[in-house]
């Protein structure tokens, strides 16, 4: 699992950073305010980052967990 923190002046910008860096399948672990900034901690499965979303999904239905 790859975990990163993103900081921006608003939540919308921070979420755009998350999607750009980790993709649409990123999992938000935490968010908080730090002074004037918003910090979002997000994670993504390393296999999805290295192989792309199609390879990580495999043939399993989207509503089932692949072990």
PDB file of N, CA and C in Angstrom:
ATOM      1  N   UNK A   1       0.847  -1.170   0.000  1.00  0.00           N
ATOM      2  CA  UNK A   1       0.000   0.000   0.000  1.00  0.00           C
ATOM      3  C   UNK A   1       0.896   1.238   0.000  1.00  0.00           C
ATOM      4  N   UNK A   2       0.566   2.193  -0.820  1.00  0.00           N
ATOM      5  CA  UNK A   2       1.308   3.453  -0.905  1.00  0.00           C
ATOM      6  C   UNK A   2       0.472   4.540  -0.237  1.00  0.00           C
ATOM      7  N   UNK A   3       1.057   5.219   0.748  1.00  0.00           N
ATOM      8  CA  UNK A   3       0.350   6.255   1.504  1.00  0.00           C
ATOM      9  C   UNK A   3       1.047   7.589   1.279  1.00  0.00           C
ATOM     10  N   UNK A   4       0.253   8.624   1.007  1.00  0.00           N
ATOM     11  CA  UNK A   4       0.808   9.970   0.792  1.00  0.00           C
ATOM     12  C   UNK A   4      -0.075  11.006   1.469  1.00  0.00           C
ATOM     13  N   UNK A   5       0.543  12.145   1.772  1.00  0.00           N
ATOM     14  CA  UNK A   5      -0.188  13.292   2.322  1.00  0.00           C
ATOM     15  C   UNK A   5      -0.182  14.417   1.298  1.00  0.00           C
ATOM     16  N   UNK A   6      -1.312  15.112   1.238  1.00  0.00           N
ATOM     17  CA  UNK A   6      -1.469  16.221   0.300  1.00  0.00           C
ATOM     18  C   UNK A   6      -1.980  17.426   1.072  1.00  0.00           C
ATOM     19  N   UNK A   7      -1.402  18.580   0.796  1.00  0.00           N
ATOM     20  CA  UNK A   7      -1.841  19.815   1.447  1.00  0.00           C
ATOM     21  C   UNK A   7      -2.220  20.842   0.401  1.00  0.00           C
ATOM     22  N   UNK A   8      -3.324  21.538   0.676  1.00  0.00           N
ATOM     23  CA  UNK A   8      -3.819  22.566  -0.232  1.00  0.00           C
ATOM     24  C   UNK A   8      -4.623  23.576   0.574  1.00  0.00           C
ATOM     25  N   UNK A   9      -5.015  24.640  -0.091  1.00  0.00           N
ATOM     26  CA  UNK A   9      -5.774  25.688   0.591  1.00  0.00           C
ATOM     27  C   UNK A   9      -7.243  25.328   0.776  1.00  0.00           C
ATOM     28  N   UNK A  10      -7.735  24.329   0.000  1.00  0.00           N
ATOM     29  CA  UNK A  10      -9.115  23.887   0.180  1.00  0.00           C
ATOM     30  C   UNK A  10      -9.220  22.398  -0.149  1.00  0.00           C
ATOM     31  N   UNK A  11     -10.309  21.781   0.271  1.00  0.00           N
ATOM     32  CA  UNK A  11     -10.504  20.336   0.095  1.00  0.00           C
ATOM     33  C   UNK A  11     -10.575  19.945  -1.373  1.00  0.00           C
ATOM     34  N   UNK A  12     -11.202  20.766  -2.172  1.00  0.00           N
ATOM     35  CA  UNK A  12     -11.347  20.454  -3.600  1.00  0.00           C
ATOM     36  C   UNK A  12      -9.985  20.322  -4.273  1.00  0.00           C
ATOM     37  N   UNK A  13      -9.080  21.241  -3.964  1.00  0.00           N
ATOM     38  CA  UNK A  13      -7.737  21.210  -4.541  1.00  0.00           C
ATOM     39  C   UNK A  13      -6.947  20.012  -4.021  1.00  0.00           C
ATOM     40  N   UNK A  14      -7.074  19.731  -2.730  1.00  0.00           N
ATOM     41  CA  UNK A  14      -6.375  18.581  -2.149  1.00  0.00           C
ATOM     42  C   UNK A  14      -6.860  17.281  -2.787  1.00  0.00           C
ATOM     43  N   UNK A  15      -8.163  17.145  -3.010  1.00  0.00           N
ATOM     44  CA  UNK A  15      -8.698  15.941  -3.637  1.00  0.00           C
ATOM     45  C   UNK A  15      -8.253  15.831  -5.096  1.00  0.00           C
ATOM     46  N   UNK A  16      -8.118  16.935  -5.786  1.00  0.00           N
ATOM     47  CA  UNK A  16      -7.604  16.913  -7.158  1.00  0.00           C
ATOM     48  C   UNK A  16      -6.159  16.413  -7.169  1.00  0.00           C
ATOM     49  N   UNK A  17      -5.393  16.811  -6.167  1.00  0.00           N
ATOM     50  CA  UNK A  17      -4.009  16.344  -6.052  1.00  0.00           C
ATOM     51  C   UNK A  17      -3.980  14.831  -5.803  1.00  0.00           C
ATOM     52  N   UNK A  18      -4.879  14.352  -4.951  1.00  0.00           N
ATOM     53  CA  UNK A  18      -4.963  12.917  -4.658  1.00  0.00           C
ATOM     54  C   UNK A  18      -5.264  12.141  -5.931  1.00  0.00           C
ATOM     55  N   UNK A  19      -6.294  12.571  -6.672  1.00  0.00           N
ATOM     56  CA  UNK A  19      -6.670  11.869  -7.901  1.00  0.00           C
ATOM     57  C   UNK A  19      -5.551  11.895  -8.935  1.00  0.00           C
ATOM     58  N   UNK A  20      -4.851  13.024  -9.043  1.00  0.00           N
ATOM     59  CA  UNK A  20      -3.756  13.130 -10.018  1.00  0.00           C
ATOM     60  C   UNK A  20      -2.592  12.213  -9.660  1.00  0.00           C
ATOM     61  N   UNK A  21      -2.285  12.095  -8.386  1.00  0.00           N
ATOM     62  CA  UNK A  21      -1.127  11.309  -7.957  1.00  0.00           C
ATOM     63  C   UNK A  21      -1.439   9.826  -7.777  1.00  0.00           C
ATOM     64  N   UNK A  22      -2.620   9.505  -7.244  1.00  0.00           N
ATOM     65  CA  UNK A  22      -2.927   8.124  -6.879  1.00  0.00           C
ATOM     66  C   UNK A  22      -4.044   7.501  -7.700  1.00  0.00           C
ATOM     67  N   UNK A  23      -4.803   8.294  -8.423  1.00  0.00           N
ATOM     68  CA  UNK A  23      -5.892   7.774  -9.236  1.00  0.00           C
ATOM     69  C   UNK A  23      -7.229   7.820  -8.520  1.00  0.00           C
ATOM     70  N   UNK A  24      -8.251   7.485  -9.269  1.00  0.00           N
ATOM     71  CA  UNK A  24      -9.628   7.570  -8.759  1.00  0.00           C
ATOM     72  C   UNK A  24      -9.935   6.524  -7.695  1.00  0.00           C
ATOM     73  N   UNK A  25      -9.135   5.454  -7.607  1.00  0.00           N
ATOM     74  CA  UNK A  25      -9.385   4.395  -6.630  1.00  0.00           C
ATOM     75  C   UNK A  25      -8.700   4.632  -5.295  1.00  0.00           C
ATOM     76  N   UNK A  26      -8.127   5.800  -5.100  1.00  0.00           N
ATOM     77  CA  UNK A  26      -7.434   6.103  -3.844  1.00  0.00           C
ATOM     78  C   UNK A  26      -8.418   6.077  -2.676  1.00  0.00           C
ATOM     79  N   UNK A  27      -7.931   5.622  -1.549  1.00  0.00           N
ATOM     80  CA  UNK A  27      -8.721   5.551  -0.324  1.00  0.00           C
ATOM     81  C   UNK A  27      -8.294   6.693   0.588  1.00  0.00           C
ATOM     82  N   UNK A  28      -9.229   7.509   1.021  1.00  0.00           N
ATOM     83  CA  UNK A  28      -8.920   8.615   1.928  1.00  0.00           C
ATOM     84  C   UNK A  28      -8.850   8.053   3.344  1.00  0.00           C
ATOM     85  N   UNK A  29      -7.696   8.195   3.974  1.00  0.00           N
ATOM     86  CA  UNK A  29      -7.491   7.680   5.328  1.00  0.00           C
ATOM     87  C   UNK A  29      -7.823   8.718   6.384  1.00  0.00           C
ATOM     88  N   UNK A  30      -7.528   9.980   6.088  1.00  0.00           N
ATOM     89  CA  UNK A  30      -7.776  11.044   7.074  1.00  0.00           C
ATOM     90  C   UNK A  30      -7.766  12.390   6.371  1.00  0.00           C
ATOM     91  N   UNK A  31      -8.416  13.346   6.997  1.00  0.00           N
ATOM     92  CA  UNK A  31      -8.296  14.740   6.563  1.00  0.00           C
ATOM     93  C   UNK A  31      -8.384  15.623   7.788  1.00  0.00           C
ATOM     94  N   UNK A  32      -7.656  16.736   7.732  1.00  0.00           N
ATOM     95  CA  UNK A  32      -7.664  17.668   8.866  1.00  0.00           C
ATOM     96  C   UNK A  32      -7.209  19.035   8.409  1.00  0.00           C
ATOM     97  N   UNK A  33      -7.488  20.014   9.247  1.00  0.00           N
ATOM     98  CA  UNK A  33      -7.069  21.383   8.998  1.00  0.00           C
ATOM     99  C   UNK A  33      -5.775  21.656   9.738  1.00  0.00           C
ATOM    100  N   UNK A  34      -4.823  22.262   9.041  1.00  0.00           N
ATOM    101  CA  UNK A  34      -3.556  22.667   9.640  1.00  0.00           C
ATOM    102  C   UNK A  34      -3.392  24.140   9.310  1.00  0.00           C
ATOM    103  N   UNK A  35      -3.737  24.974  10.252  1.00  0.00           N
ATOM    104  CA  UNK A  35      -3.686  26.413   9.994  1.00  0.00           C
ATOM    105  C   UNK A  35      -4.651  26.780   8.890  1.00  0.00           C
ATOM    106  N   UNK A  36      -4.129  27.372   7.819  1.00  0.00           N
ATOM    107  CA  UNK A  36      -4.958  27.769   6.675  1.00  0.00           C
ATOM    108  C   UNK A  36      -5.057  26.676   5.620  1.00  0.00           C
ATOM    109  N   UNK A  37      -4.433  25.536   5.848  1.00  0.00           N
ATOM    110  CA  UNK A  37      -4.393  24.475   4.852  1.00  0.00           C
ATOM    111  C   UNK A  37      -5.255  23.281   5.257  1.00  0.00           C
ATOM    112  N   UNK A  38      -5.603  22.480   4.270  1.00  0.00           N
ATOM    113  CA  UNK A  38      -6.279  21.202   4.472  1.00  0.00           C
ATOM    114  C   UNK A  38      -5.260  20.121   4.143  1.00  0.00           C
ATOM    115  N   UNK A  39      -5.135  19.120   5.023  1.00  0.00           N
ATOM    116  CA  UNK A  39      -4.253  17.994   4.765  1.00  0.00           C
ATOM    117  C   UNK A  39      -5.098  16.743   4.566  1.00  0.00           C
ATOM    118  N   UNK A  40      -4.867  16.048   3.464  1.00  0.00           N
ATOM    119  CA  UNK A  40      -5.566  14.800   3.165  1.00  0.00           C
ATOM    120  C   UNK A  40      -4.522  13.692   3.108  1.00  0.00           C
ATOM    121  N   UNK A  41      -4.731  12.633   3.874  1.00  0.00           N
ATOM    122  CA  UNK A  41      -3.877  11.455   3.822  1.00  0.00           C
ATOM    123  C   UNK A  41      -4.641  10.400   3.039  1.00  0.00           C
ATOM    124  N   UNK A  42      -4.004   9.890   1.971  1.00  0.00           N
ATOM    125  CA  UNK A  42      -4.668   8.939   1.089  1.00  0.00           C
ATOM    126  C   UNK A  42      -3.740   7.768   0.784  1.00  0.00           C
ATOM    127  N   UNK A  43      -4.336   6.655   0.392  1.00  0.00           N
ATOM    128  CA  UNK A  43      -3.564   5.453   0.076  1.00  0.00           C
ATOM    129  C   UNK A  43      -4.123   4.796  -1.171  1.00  0.00           C
ATOM    130  N   UNK A  44      -3.267   4.019  -1.810  1.00  0.00           N
ATOM    131  CA  UNK A  44      -3.680   3.223  -2.963  1.00  0.00           C
ATOM    132  C   UNK A  44      -2.879   1.930  -2.933  1.00  0.00           C
ATOM    133  N   UNK A  45      -3.472   0.860  -3.440  1.00  0.00           N
ATOM    134  CA  UNK A  45      -2.798  -0.429  -3.517  1.00  0.00           C
ATOM    135  C   UNK A  45      -1.622  -0.306  -4.481  1.00  0.00           C
ATOM    136  N   UNK A  46      -0.449  -0.773  -4.093  1.00  0.00           N
ATOM    137  CA  UNK A  46       0.760  -0.645  -4.909  1.00  0.00           C
ATOM    138  C   UNK A  46       0.588  -1.344  -6.251  1.00  0.00           C
ATOM    139  N   UNK A  47      -0.082  -2.472  -6.291  1.00  0.00           N
ATOM    140  CA  UNK A  47      -0.298  -3.183  -7.545  1.00  0.00           C
ATOM    141  C   UNK A  47      -1.067  -2.325  -8.531  1.00  0.00           C
ATOM    142  N   UNK A  48      -2.026  -1.545  -8.067  1.00  0.00           N
ATOM    143  CA  UNK A  48      -2.790  -0.678  -8.950  1.00  0.00           C
ATOM    144  C   UNK A  48      -1.903   0.420  -9.519  1.00  0.00           C
ATOM    145  N   UNK A  49      -0.992   0.934  -8.715  1.00  0.00           N
ATOM    146  CA  UNK A  49      -0.107   1.999  -9.176  1.00  0.00           C
ATOM    147  C   UNK A  49       0.866   1.452 -10.213  1.00  0.00           C
ATOM    148  N   UNK A  50       1.445   0.277  -9.960  1.00  0.00           N
ATOM    149  CA  UNK A  50       2.459  -0.286 -10.846  1.00  0.00           C
ATOM    150  C   UNK A  50       1.882  -0.879 -12.123  1.00  0.00           C
ATOM    151  N   UNK A  51       0.731  -1.542 -12.037  1.00  0.00           N
ATOM    152  CA  UNK A  51       0.186  -2.266 -13.170  1.00  0.00           C
ATOM    153  C   UNK A  51      -0.973  -1.562 -13.845  1.00  0.00           C
ATOM    154  N   UNK A  52      -1.548  -0.575 -13.213  1.00  0.00           N
ATOM    155  CA  UNK A  52      -2.710   0.099 -13.777  1.00  0.00           C
ATOM    156  C   UNK A  52      -3.992  -0.513 -13.264  1.00  0.00           C
ATOM    157  N   UNK A  53      -5.109   0.199 -13.390  1.00  0.00           N
ATOM    158  CA  UNK A  53      -6.374  -0.253 -12.825  1.00  0.00           C
ATOM    159  C   UNK A  53      -6.905  -1.533 -13.472  1.00  0.00           C
ATOM    160  N   UNK A  54      -6.690  -1.750 -14.756  1.00  0.00           N
ATOM    161  CA  UNK A  54      -7.223  -2.941 -15.417  1.00  0.00           C
ATOM    162  C   UNK A  54      -6.538  -4.200 -14.909  1.00  0.00           C
ATOM    163  N   UNK A  55      -5.227  -4.163 -14.728  1.00  0.00           N
ATOM    164  CA  UNK A  55      -4.488  -5.342 -14.268  1.00  0.00           C
ATOM    165  C   UNK A  55      -4.805  -5.657 -12.815  1.00  0.00           C
ATOM    166  N   UNK A  56      -4.972  -4.649 -11.984  1.00  0.00           N
ATOM    167  CA  UNK A  56      -5.248  -4.879 -10.567  1.00  0.00           C
ATOM    168  C   UNK A  56      -6.657  -5.427 -10.356  1.00  0.00           C
ATOM    169  N   UNK A  57      -7.606  -5.044 -11.207  1.00  0.00           N
ATOM    170  CA  UNK A  57      -8.983  -5.487 -11.063  1.00  0.00           C
ATOM    171  C   UNK A  57      -9.137  -6.954 -11.442  1.00  0.00           C
ATOM    172  N   UNK A  58      -8.379  -7.401 -12.428  1.00  0.00           N
ATOM    173  CA  UNK A  58      -8.461  -8.798 -12.856  1.00  0.00           C
ATOM    174  C   UNK A  58      -9.846  -9.119 -13.369  1.00  0.00           C
ATOM    175  N   UNK A  59     -10.273 -10.359 -13.168  1.00  0.00           N
ATOM    176  CA  UNK A  59     -11.584 -10.800 -13.624  1.00  0.00           C
ATOM    177  C   UNK A  59     -12.627 -10.763 -12.528  1.00  0.00           C
ATOM    178  N   UNK A  60     -12.243 -10.355 -11.323  1.00  0.00           N
ATOM    179  CA  UNK A  60     -13.181 -10.351 -10.198  1.00  0.00           C
ATOM    180  C   UNK A  60     -14.216  -9.245 -10.365  1.00  0.00           C
ATOM    181  N   UNK A  61     -15.457  -9.529 -10.021  1.00  0.00           N
ATOM    182  CA  UNK A  61     -16.477  -8.469 -10.030  1.00  0.00           C
ATOM    183  C   UNK A  61     -16.070  -7.332  -9.104  1.00  0.00           C
ATOM    184  N   UNK A  62     -16.513  -6.130  -9.419  1.00  0.00           N
ATOM    185  CA  UNK A  62     -16.094  -4.962  -8.657  1.00  0.00           C
ATOM    186  C   UNK A  62     -16.570  -4.969  -7.226  1.00  0.00           C
ATOM    187  N   UNK A  63     -17.640  -5.674  -6.916  1.00  0.00           N
ATOM    188  CA  UNK A  63     -18.154  -5.658  -5.551  1.00  0.00           C
ATOM    189  C   UNK A  63     -17.553  -6.755  -4.681  1.00  0.00           C
ATOM    190  N   UNK A  64     -16.616  -7.555  -5.215  1.00  0.00           N
ATOM    191  CA  UNK A  64     -15.971  -8.620  -4.442  1.00  0.00           C
ATOM    192  C   UNK A  64     -14.535  -8.264  -4.153  1.00  0.00           C
ATOM    193  N   UNK A  65     -14.060  -8.641  -2.987  1.00  0.00           N
ATOM    194  CA  UNK A  65     -12.694  -8.418  -2.585  1.00  0.00           C
ATOM    195  C   UNK A  65     -11.819  -9.540  -3.120  1.00  0.00           C
ATOM    196  N   UNK A  66     -10.741  -9.166  -3.806  1.00  0.00           N
ATOM    197  CA  UNK A  66      -9.829 -10.154  -4.361  1.00  0.00           C
ATOM    198  C   UNK A  66      -8.728 -10.431  -3.351  1.00  0.00           C
ATOM    199  N   UNK A  67      -8.534 -11.687  -2.959  1.00  0.00           N
ATOM    200  CA  UNK A  67      -7.520 -12.043  -1.967  1.00  0.00           C
ATOM    201  C   UNK A  67      -6.325 -12.680  -2.612  1.00  0.00           C
TER     202      UNK A  67
END
